[in-house]
PDB file of N, CA and C in Angstrom:
ATOM      1  N   LYS A   1     -38.140  31.722  72.477  1.00  0.00           N
ATOM      2  CA  LYS A   1     -37.007  31.965  71.596  1.00  0.00           C
ATOM      3  C   LYS A   1     -36.043  30.791  71.695  1.00  0.00           C
ATOM      4  N   ILE A   2     -35.497  30.382  70.560  1.00  0.00           N
ATOM      5  CA  ILE A   2     -34.586  29.240  70.542  1.00  0.00           C
ATOM      6  C   ILE A   2     -33.266  29.616  69.872  1.00  0.00           C
ATOM      7  N   VAL A   3     -32.253  28.812  70.144  1.00  0.00           N
ATOM      8  CA  VAL A   3     -30.976  28.911  69.459  1.00  0.00           C
ATOM      9  C   VAL A   3     -30.835  27.643  68.635  1.00  0.00           C
ATOM     10  N   LEU A   4     -30.646  27.806  67.335  1.00  0.00           N
ATOM     11  CA  LEU A   4     -30.473  26.680  66.430  1.00  0.00           C
ATOM     12  C   LEU A   4     -28.989  26.350  66.368  1.00  0.00           C
ATOM     13  N   VAL A   5     -28.639  25.081  66.566  1.00  0.00           N
ATOM     14  CA  VAL A   5     -27.246  24.650  66.554  1.00  0.00           C
ATOM     15  C   VAL A   5     -27.100  23.510  65.553  1.00  0.00           C
ATOM     16  N   GLY A   6     -26.054  23.583  64.736  1.00  0.00           N
ATOM     17  CA  GLY A   6     -25.800  22.523  63.780  1.00  0.00           C
ATOM     18  C   GLY A   6     -24.315  22.270  63.649  1.00  0.00           C
ATOM     19  N   GLN A   7     -23.956  21.036  63.320  1.00  0.00           N
ATOM     20  CA  GLN A   7     -22.558  20.656  63.144  1.00  0.00           C
ATOM     21  C   GLN A   7     -22.388  20.009  61.783  1.00  0.00           C
ATOM     22  N   SER A   8     -21.338  20.391  61.069  1.00  0.00           N
ATOM     23  CA  SER A   8     -20.986  19.856  59.758  1.00  0.00           C
ATOM     24  C   SER A   8     -22.123  20.086  58.761  1.00  0.00           C
ATOM     25  N   ALA A   9     -22.620  19.034  58.144  1.00  0.00           N
ATOM     26  CA  ALA A   9     -23.683  19.190  57.140  1.00  0.00           C
ATOM     27  C   ALA A   9     -24.939  19.796  57.757  1.00  0.00           C
ATOM     28  N   GLY A  10     -25.238  19.454  59.003  1.00  0.00           N
ATOM     29  CA  GLY A  10     -26.395  20.027  59.688  1.00  0.00           C
ATOM     30  C   GLY A  10     -26.259  21.528  59.874  1.00  0.00           C
ATOM     31  N   ALA A  11     -25.029  21.990  60.107  1.00  0.00           N
ATOM     32  CA  ALA A  11     -24.780  23.424  60.243  1.00  0.00           C
ATOM     33  C   ALA A  11     -24.938  24.119  58.892  1.00  0.00           C
ATOM     34  N   HIS A  12     -24.484  23.468  57.841  1.00  0.00           N
ATOM     35  CA  HIS A  12     -24.634  24.046  56.497  1.00  0.00           C
ATOM     36  C   HIS A  12     -26.113  24.171  56.139  1.00  0.00           C
ATOM     37  N   ILE A  13     -26.866  23.111  56.346  1.00  0.00           N
ATOM     38  CA  ILE A  13     -28.302  23.138  56.048  1.00  0.00           C
ATOM     39  C   ILE A  13     -29.012  24.161  56.924  1.00  0.00           C
ATOM     40  N   GLY A  14     -28.677  24.200  58.207  1.00  0.00           N
ATOM     41  CA  GLY A  14     -29.277  25.184  59.109  1.00  0.00           C
ATOM     42  C   GLY A  14     -28.991  26.599  58.660  1.00  0.00           C
ATOM     43  N   GLY A  15     -27.755  26.860  58.226  1.00  0.00           N
ATOM     44  CA  GLY A  15     -27.396  28.187  57.743  1.00  0.00           C
ATOM     45  C   GLY A  15     -28.166  28.573  56.502  1.00  0.00           C
ATOM     46  N   VAL A  16     -28.345  27.620  55.598  1.00  0.00           N
ATOM     47  CA  VAL A  16     -29.110  27.886  54.374  1.00  0.00           C
ATOM     48  C   VAL A  16     -30.569  28.190  54.729  1.00  0.00           C
ATOM     49  N   VAL A  17     -31.143  27.420  55.631  1.00  0.00           N
ATOM     50  CA  VAL A  17     -32.540  27.632  56.020  1.00  0.00           C
ATOM     51  C   VAL A  17     -32.714  28.992  56.691  1.00  0.00           C
ATOM     52  N   VAL A  18     -31.828  29.329  57.620  1.00  0.00           N
ATOM     53  CA  VAL A  18     -31.923  30.625  58.302  1.00  0.00           C
ATOM     54  C   VAL A  18     -31.750  31.765  57.297  1.00  0.00           C
ATOM     55  N   ALA A  19     -30.765  31.652  56.412  1.00  0.00           N
ATOM     56  CA  ALA A  19     -30.535  32.709  55.419  1.00  0.00           C
ATOM     57  C   ALA A  19     -31.741  32.880  54.501  1.00  0.00           C
ATOM     58  N   ARG A  20     -32.318  31.768  54.040  1.00  0.00           N
ATOM     59  CA  ARG A  20     -33.493  31.868  53.160  1.00  0.00           C
ATOM     60  C   ARG A  20     -34.682  32.462  53.896  1.00  0.00           C
ATOM     61  N   LYS A  21     -34.862  32.077  55.150  1.00  0.00           N
ATOM     62  CA  LYS A  21     -35.998  32.582  55.919  1.00  0.00           C
ATOM     63  C   LYS A  21     -35.884  34.096  56.118  1.00  0.00           C
ATOM     64  N   VAL A  22     -34.684  34.552  56.436  1.00  0.00           N
ATOM     65  CA  VAL A  22     -34.470  35.988  56.614  1.00  0.00           C
ATOM     66  C   VAL A  22     -34.653  36.715  55.281  1.00  0.00           C
ATOM     67  N   ARG A  23     -34.107  36.150  54.202  1.00  0.00           N
ATOM     68  CA  ARG A  23     -34.271  36.762  52.878  1.00  0.00           C
ATOM     69  C   ARG A  23     -35.755  36.874  52.516  1.00  0.00           C
ATOM     70  N   ASP A  24     -36.515  35.810  52.732  1.00  0.00           N
ATOM     71  CA  ASP A  24     -37.953  35.830  52.444  1.00  0.00           C
ATOM     72  C   ASP A  24     -38.654  36.925  53.241  1.00  0.00           C
ATOM     73  N   TRP A  25     -38.314  37.025  54.531  1.00  0.00           N
ATOM     74  CA  TRP A  25     -38.937  38.006  55.416  1.00  0.00           C
ATOM     75  C   TRP A  25     -38.630  39.421  54.937  1.00  0.00           C
ATOM     76  N   ILE A  26     -37.358  39.682  54.581  1.00  0.00           N
ATOM     77  CA  ILE A  26     -36.965  41.012  54.106  1.00  0.00           C
ATOM     78  C   ILE A  26     -37.704  41.354  52.814  1.00  0.00           C
ATOM     79  N   ARG A  27     -37.779  40.414  51.889  1.00  0.00           N
ATOM     80  CA  ARG A  27     -38.451  40.681  50.612  1.00  0.00           C
ATOM     81  C   ARG A  27     -39.933  40.940  50.786  1.00  0.00           C
ATOM     82  N   MET A  28     -40.579  40.154  51.612  1.00  0.00           N
ATOM     83  CA  MET A  28     -42.017  40.352  51.798  1.00  0.00           C
ATOM     84  C   MET A  28     -42.299  41.669  52.504  1.00  0.00           C
ATOM     85  N   LYS A  29     -41.462  42.030  53.455  1.00  0.00           N
ATOM     86  CA  LYS A  29     -41.639  43.317  54.132  1.00  0.00           C
ATOM     87  C   LYS A  29     -41.373  44.477  53.178  1.00  0.00           C
ATOM     88  N   SER A  30     -40.382  44.327  52.288  1.00  0.00           N
ATOM     89  CA  SER A  30     -40.011  45.430  51.401  1.00  0.00           C
ATOM     90  C   SER A  30     -41.093  45.744  50.372  1.00  0.00           C
ATOM     91  N   VAL A  31     -41.905  44.777  50.021  1.00  0.00           N
ATOM     92  CA  VAL A  31     -42.982  45.036  49.070  1.00  0.00           C
ATOM     93  C   VAL A  31     -44.335  45.171  49.758  1.00  0.00           C
ATOM     94  N   GLY A  32     -44.308  45.231  51.083  1.00  0.00           N
ATOM     95  CA  GLY A  32     -45.520  45.474  51.843  1.00  0.00           C
ATOM     96  C   GLY A  32     -46.485  44.314  51.915  1.00  0.00           C
ATOM     97  N   LEU A  33     -45.989  43.079  51.724  1.00  0.00           N
ATOM     98  CA  LEU A  33     -46.884  41.921  51.767  1.00  0.00           C
ATOM     99  C   LEU A  33     -47.112  41.409  53.178  1.00  0.00           C
ATOM    100  N   GLY A  34     -46.307  41.853  54.119  1.00  0.00           N
ATOM    101  CA  GLY A  34     -46.399  41.270  55.450  1.00  0.00           C
ATOM    102  C   GLY A  34     -45.818  39.878  55.425  1.00  0.00           C
ATOM    103  N   TRP A  35     -46.000  39.154  56.479  1.00  0.00           N
ATOM    104  CA  TRP A  35     -45.437  37.806  56.560  1.00  0.00           C
ATOM    105  C   TRP A  35     -46.548  36.808  56.304  1.00  0.00           C
ATOM    106  N   ASP A  36     -46.882  36.617  55.037  1.00  0.00           N
ATOM    107  CA  ASP A  36     -47.984  35.737  54.657  1.00  0.00           C
ATOM    108  C   ASP A  36     -47.496  34.776  53.587  1.00  0.00           C
ATOM    109  N   ILE A  37     -47.380  33.507  53.916  1.00  0.00           N
ATOM    110  CA  ILE A  37     -46.847  32.502  53.000  1.00  0.00           C
ATOM    111  C   ILE A  37     -47.708  32.379  51.742  1.00  0.00           C
ATOM    112  N   GLN A  38     -48.962  32.815  51.787  1.00  0.00           N
ATOM    113  CA  GLN A  38     -49.836  32.744  50.620  1.00  0.00           C
ATOM    114  C   GLN A  38     -49.379  33.670  49.501  1.00  0.00           C
ATOM    115  N   ASN A  39     -48.528  34.652  49.820  1.00  0.00           N
ATOM    116  CA  ASN A  39     -48.061  35.605  48.819  1.00  0.00           C
ATOM    117  C   ASN A  39     -46.789  35.149  48.116  1.00  0.00           C
ATOM    118  N   CYS A  40     -46.453  33.876  48.188  1.00  0.00           N
ATOM    119  CA  CYS A  40     -45.191  33.398  47.639  1.00  0.00           C
ATOM    120  C   CYS A  40     -45.130  33.516  46.115  1.00  0.00           C
ATOM    121  N   ASN A  41     -46.240  33.644  45.416  1.00  0.00           N
ATOM    122  CA  ASN A  41     -46.213  33.767  43.962  1.00  0.00           C
ATOM    123  C   ASN A  41     -45.596  35.086  43.503  1.00  0.00           C
ATOM    124  N   HIS A  42     -45.469  36.042  44.404  1.00  0.00           N
ATOM    125  CA  HIS A  42     -44.914  37.341  44.051  1.00  0.00           C
ATOM    126  C   HIS A  42     -43.483  37.224  43.528  1.00  0.00           C
ATOM    127  N   PHE A  43     -42.732  36.231  44.009  1.00  0.00           N
ATOM    128  CA  PHE A  43     -41.343  36.046  43.613  1.00  0.00           C
ATOM    129  C   PHE A  43     -41.236  34.824  42.712  1.00  0.00           C
ATOM    130  N   SER A  44     -41.965  34.831  41.604  1.00  0.00           N
ATOM    131  CA  SER A  44     -42.086  33.652  40.759  1.00  0.00           C
ATOM    132  C   SER A  44     -40.783  33.241  40.089  1.00  0.00           C
ATOM    133  N   ASN A  45     -39.821  34.151  39.975  1.00  0.00           N
ATOM    134  CA  ASN A  45     -38.565  33.801  39.320  1.00  0.00           C
ATOM    135  C   ASN A  45     -37.577  33.144  40.279  1.00  0.00           C
ATOM    136  N   GLU A  46     -37.945  32.966  41.531  1.00  0.00           N
ATOM    137  CA  GLU A  46     -37.060  32.364  42.518  1.00  0.00           C
ATOM    138  C   GLU A  46     -37.818  31.299  43.303  1.00  0.00           C
ATOM    139  N   LEU A  47     -37.073  30.629  44.176  1.00  0.00           N
ATOM    140  CA  LEU A  47     -37.706  29.638  45.038  1.00  0.00           C
ATOM    141  C   LEU A  47     -38.763  30.313  45.898  1.00  0.00           C
ATOM    142  N   PRO A  48     -39.878  29.649  46.134  1.00  0.00           N
ATOM    143  CA  PRO A  48     -40.906  30.238  47.001  1.00  0.00           C
ATOM    144  C   PRO A  48     -40.399  30.306  48.436  1.00  0.00           C
ATOM    145  N   PRO A  49     -40.986  31.156  49.251  1.00  0.00           N
ATOM    146  CA  PRO A  49     -40.600  31.213  50.658  1.00  0.00           C
ATOM    147  C   PRO A  49     -40.769  29.850  51.318  1.00  0.00           C
ATOM    148  N   LEU A  50     -39.933  29.585  52.304  1.00  0.00           N
ATOM    149  CA  LEU A  50     -40.031  28.323  53.032  1.00  0.00           C
ATOM    150  C   LEU A  50     -41.352  28.264  53.781  1.00  0.00           C
ATOM    151  N   ALA A  51     -42.035  27.162  53.668  1.00  0.00           N
ATOM    152  CA  ALA A  51     -43.311  26.977  54.353  1.00  0.00           C
ATOM    153  C   ALA A  51     -43.052  26.406  55.736  1.00  0.00           C
ATOM    154  N   SER A  52     -42.917  27.272  56.704  1.00  0.00           N
ATOM    155  CA  SER A  52     -42.705  26.846  58.086  1.00  0.00           C
ATOM    156  C   SER A  52     -43.447  27.802  59.003  1.00  0.00           C
ATOM    157  N   THR A  53     -43.558  27.435  60.249  1.00  0.00           N
ATOM    158  CA  THR A  53     -44.373  28.226  61.160  1.00  0.00           C
ATOM    159  C   THR A  53     -43.588  29.254  61.948  1.00  0.00           C
ATOM    160  N   TYR A  54     -42.254  29.231  61.881  1.00  0.00           N
ATOM    161  CA  TYR A  54     -41.498  30.228  62.636  1.00  0.00           C
ATOM    162  C   TYR A  54     -41.163  31.422  61.757  1.00  0.00           C
ATOM    163  N   GLN A  55     -40.908  32.534  62.416  1.00  0.00           N
ATOM    164  CA  GLN A  55     -40.467  33.741  61.739  1.00  0.00           C
ATOM    165  C   GLN A  55     -39.021  34.004  62.160  1.00  0.00           C
ATOM    166  N   PRO A  56     -38.248  34.736  61.358  1.00  0.00           N
ATOM    167  CA  PRO A  56     -36.840  34.936  61.671  1.00  0.00           C
ATOM    168  C   PRO A  56     -36.592  35.477  63.072  1.00  0.00           C
ATOM    169  N   PHE A  57     -37.447  36.356  63.557  1.00  0.00           N
ATOM    170  CA  PHE A  57     -37.217  36.936  64.883  1.00  0.00           C
ATOM    171  C   PHE A  57     -37.590  35.984  66.017  1.00  0.00           C
ATOM    172  N   ASP A  58     -38.103  34.785  65.696  1.00  0.00           N
ATOM    173  CA  ASP A  58     -38.328  33.761  66.719  1.00  0.00           C
ATOM    174  C   ASP A  58     -37.017  33.107  67.160  1.00  0.00           C
ATOM    175  N   LEU A  59     -35.974  33.224  66.325  1.00  0.00           N
ATOM    176  CA  LEU A  59     -34.675  32.646  66.665  1.00  0.00           C
ATOM    177  C   LEU A  59     -33.881  33.619  67.521  1.00  0.00           C
ATOM    178  N   LYS A  60     -33.324  33.093  68.586  1.00  0.00           N
ATOM    179  CA  LYS A  60     -32.459  33.915  69.425  1.00  0.00           C
ATOM    180  C   LYS A  60     -31.038  33.911  68.864  1.00  0.00           C
ATOM    181  N   GLY A  61     -30.665  32.841  68.170  1.00  0.00           N
ATOM    182  CA  GLY A  61     -29.337  32.767  67.589  1.00  0.00           C
ATOM    183  C   GLY A  61     -29.150  31.523  66.750  1.00  0.00           C
ATOM    184  N   PHE A  62     -28.008  31.472  66.075  1.00  0.00           N
ATOM    185  CA  PHE A  62     -27.648  30.319  65.258  1.00  0.00           C
ATOM    186  C   PHE A  62     -26.172  30.040  65.481  1.00  0.00           C
ATOM    187  N   ILE A  63     -25.851  28.808  65.845  1.00  0.00           N
ATOM    188  CA  ILE A  63     -24.466  28.400  66.070  1.00  0.00           C
ATOM    189  C   ILE A  63     -24.114  27.336  65.042  1.00  0.00           C
ATOM    190  N   SER A  64     -23.065  27.613  64.290  1.00  0.00           N
ATOM    191  CA  SER A  64     -22.619  26.715  63.239  1.00  0.00           C
ATOM    192  C   SER A  64     -21.200  26.252  63.563  1.00  0.00           C
ATOM    193  N   THR A  65     -21.001  24.938  63.609  1.00  0.00           N
ATOM    194  CA  THR A  65     -19.657  24.420  63.871  1.00  0.00           C
ATOM    195  C   THR A  65     -19.241  23.455  62.766  1.00  0.00           C
ATOM    196  N   SER A  66     -17.998  23.578  62.340  1.00  0.00           N
ATOM    197  CA  SER A  66     -17.409  22.674  61.335  1.00  0.00           C
ATOM    198  C   SER A  66     -18.257  22.563  60.074  1.00  0.00           C
ATOM    199  N   ALA A  67     -18.715  23.697  59.576  1.00  0.00           N
ATOM    200  CA  ALA A  67     -19.618  23.665  58.430  1.00  0.00           C
ATOM    201  C   ALA A  67     -18.951  24.180  57.162  1.00  0.00           C
ATOM    202  N   PRO A  68     -19.209  23.521  56.035  1.00  0.00           N
ATOM    203  CA  PRO A  68     -18.714  24.000  54.744  1.00  0.00           C
ATOM    204  C   PRO A  68     -19.681  25.030  54.161  1.00  0.00           C
ATOM    205  N   HIS A  69     -19.570  26.295  54.569  1.00  0.00           N
ATOM    206  CA  HIS A  69     -20.523  27.312  54.120  1.00  0.00           C
ATOM    207  C   HIS A  69     -20.222  27.847  52.725  1.00  0.00           C
ATOM    208  N   ASN A  70     -18.968  27.862  52.326  1.00  0.00           N
ATOM    209  CA  ASN A  70     -18.630  28.385  51.004  1.00  0.00           C
ATOM    210  C   ASN A  70     -18.169  27.232  50.118  1.00  0.00           C
ATOM    211  N   LEU A  71     -19.122  26.522  49.533  1.00  0.00           N
ATOM    212  CA  LEU A  71     -18.809  25.340  48.732  1.00  0.00           C
ATOM    213  C   LEU A  71     -18.080  25.685  47.443  1.00  0.00           C
ATOM    214  N   VAL A  72     -18.295  26.881  46.901  1.00  0.00           N
ATOM    215  CA  VAL A  72     -17.615  27.274  45.668  1.00  0.00           C
ATOM    216  C   VAL A  72     -16.109  27.352  45.896  1.00  0.00           C
ATOM    217  N   SER A  73     -15.712  27.955  47.014  1.00  0.00           N
ATOM    218  CA  SER A  73     -14.274  28.069  47.282  1.00  0.00           C
ATOM    219  C   SER A  73     -13.646  26.724  47.638  1.00  0.00           C
ATOM    220  N   MET A  74     -14.456  25.744  47.997  1.00  0.00           N
ATOM    221  CA  MET A  74     -13.942  24.420  48.360  1.00  0.00           C
ATOM    222  C   MET A  74     -13.917  23.460  47.174  1.00  0.00           C
ATOM    223  N   ARG A  75     -14.303  23.915  46.004  1.00  0.00           N
ATOM    224  CA  ARG A  75     -14.392  23.061  44.821  1.00  0.00           C
ATOM    225  C   ARG A  75     -13.091  22.301  44.562  1.00  0.00           C
ATOM    226  N   GLU A  76     -11.953  22.993  44.645  1.00  0.00           N
ATOM    227  CA  GLU A  76     -10.666  22.334  44.367  1.00  0.00           C
ATOM    228  C   GLU A  76     -10.372  21.257  45.408  1.00  0.00           C
ATOM    229  N   VAL A  77     -10.778  21.464  46.639  1.00  0.00           N
ATOM    230  CA  VAL A  77     -10.559  20.470  47.690  1.00  0.00           C
ATOM    231  C   VAL A  77     -11.357  19.202  47.383  1.00  0.00           C
ATOM    232  N   PHE A  78     -12.575  19.370  46.914  1.00  0.00           N
ATOM    233  CA  PHE A  78     -13.430  18.223  46.628  1.00  0.00           C
ATOM    234  C   PHE A  78     -12.938  17.407  45.441  1.00  0.00           C
ATOM    235  N   HIS A  79     -12.209  18.034  44.520  1.00  0.00           N
ATOM    236  CA  HIS A  79     -11.771  17.359  43.302  1.00  0.00           C
ATOM    237  C   HIS A  79     -10.343  16.816  43.380  1.00  0.00           C
ATOM    238  N   ARG A  80      -9.782  16.753  44.567  1.00  0.00           N
ATOM    239  CA  ARG A  80      -8.436  16.196  44.724  1.00  0.00           C
ATOM    240  C   ARG A  80      -8.473  14.707  44.674  1.00  0.00           C
TER     241      ARG A  80
END
Protein backbone atom coordinates (compact mmCIF):
# COMPACT_ATOMS: atom_id res chain seq x y z
CA LYS A 1 0.00 0.00 0.00
CA ILE A 2 1.29 3.46 -0.87
CA VAL A 3 0.48 7.07 -0.09
CA LEU A 4 0.47 9.34 -3.13
CA VAL A 5 1.78 12.85 -2.41
CA GLY A 6 1.72 15.82 -4.76
CA GLN A 7 2.46 19.53 -4.53
CA SER A 8 0.95 22.32 -6.67
CA ALA A 9 0.32 21.09 -10.23
CA GLY A 10 1.45 17.59 -9.25
CA ALA A 11 -1.18 17.54 -6.50
CA HIS A 12 -3.86 18.68 -8.94
CA ILE A 13 -2.93 15.99 -11.46
CA GLY A 14 -2.69 13.37 -8.70
CA GLY A 15 -6.14 14.34 -7.44
CA VAL A 16 -7.63 14.08 -10.92
CA VAL A 17 -6.04 10.65 -11.46
CA VAL A 18 -7.22 9.32 -8.08
CA ALA A 19 -10.74 10.71 -8.61
CA ARG A 20 -11.00 9.21 -12.11
CA LYS A 21 -9.67 5.85 -10.93
CA VAL A 22 -12.21 5.68 -8.11
CA ARG A 23 -15.01 6.81 -10.45
CA ASP A 24 -14.05 4.11 -12.97
CA TRP A 25 -13.97 1.46 -10.23
CA ILE A 26 -17.40 2.49 -8.88
CA ARG A 27 -18.96 2.48 -12.35
CA MET A 28 -17.57 -0.88 -13.34
CA LYS A 29 -18.66 -2.43 -10.05
CA SER A 30 -22.15 -0.89 -10.34
CA VAL A 31 -22.80 -2.55 -13.69
CA GLY A 32 -21.24 -5.83 -12.64
CA LEU A 33 -18.25 -5.67 -14.99
CA GLY A 34 -15.66 -6.24 -12.31
CA TRP A 35 -12.34 -4.48 -12.60
CA ASP A 36 -11.45 -5.29 -16.20
CA ILE A 37 -9.94 -2.56 -18.37
CA GLN A 38 -11.13 -4.45 -21.48
CA ASN A 39 -14.70 -3.37 -20.66
CA CYS A 40 -13.96 0.33 -21.17
CA ASN A 41 -16.25 0.52 -24.23
CA HIS A 42 -19.25 0.30 -21.90
CA PHE A 43 -18.90 4.02 -21.10
CA SER A 44 -18.52 5.21 -24.69
CA ASN A 45 -19.91 8.69 -23.99
CA GLU A 46 -17.09 9.46 -21.54
CA LEU A 47 -13.36 9.08 -21.22
CA PRO A 48 -12.31 5.43 -21.03
CA PRO A 49 -11.03 4.12 -17.70
CA LEU A 50 -7.39 4.89 -16.98
CA ALA A 51 -5.14 2.11 -18.20
CA SER A 52 -2.95 1.44 -15.18
CA THR A 53 -2.09 -1.53 -13.05
CA TYR A 54 -3.21 -0.27 -9.65
CA GLN A 55 -6.69 -0.39 -8.21
CA PRO A 56 -8.14 2.34 -5.96
CA PHE A 57 -7.86 0.20 -2.83
CA ASP A 58 -4.10 -0.19 -3.45
CA LEU A 59 -3.68 3.41 -2.24
CA LYS A 60 -3.39 3.94 1.47
CA GLY A 61 -3.91 7.68 1.08
CA PHE A 62 -3.49 10.83 -0.97
CA ILE A 63 -1.87 14.03 0.29
CA SER A 64 -2.37 17.20 -1.71
CA THR A 65 -0.52 20.41 -0.86
CA SER A 66 -0.86 23.85 -2.47
CA ALA A 67 -3.06 22.53 -5.25
CA PRO A 68 -5.57 24.42 -7.41
CA HIS A 69 -8.38 21.83 -7.23
CA ASN A 70 -11.28 24.10 -8.15
CA LEU A 71 -10.11 25.83 -11.33
CA VAL A 72 -13.58 27.17 -12.15
CA SER A 73 -13.71 29.23 -8.97
CA MET A 74 -10.18 30.52 -9.68
CA ARG A 75 -11.07 31.81 -13.16
CA GLU A 76 -11.21 35.46 -12.04
CA VAL A 77 -7.80 35.14 -10.37
CA PHE A 78 -6.24 33.84 -13.57
CA HIS A 79 -7.67 36.70 -15.65
CA ARG A 80 -6.33 39.55 -13.52
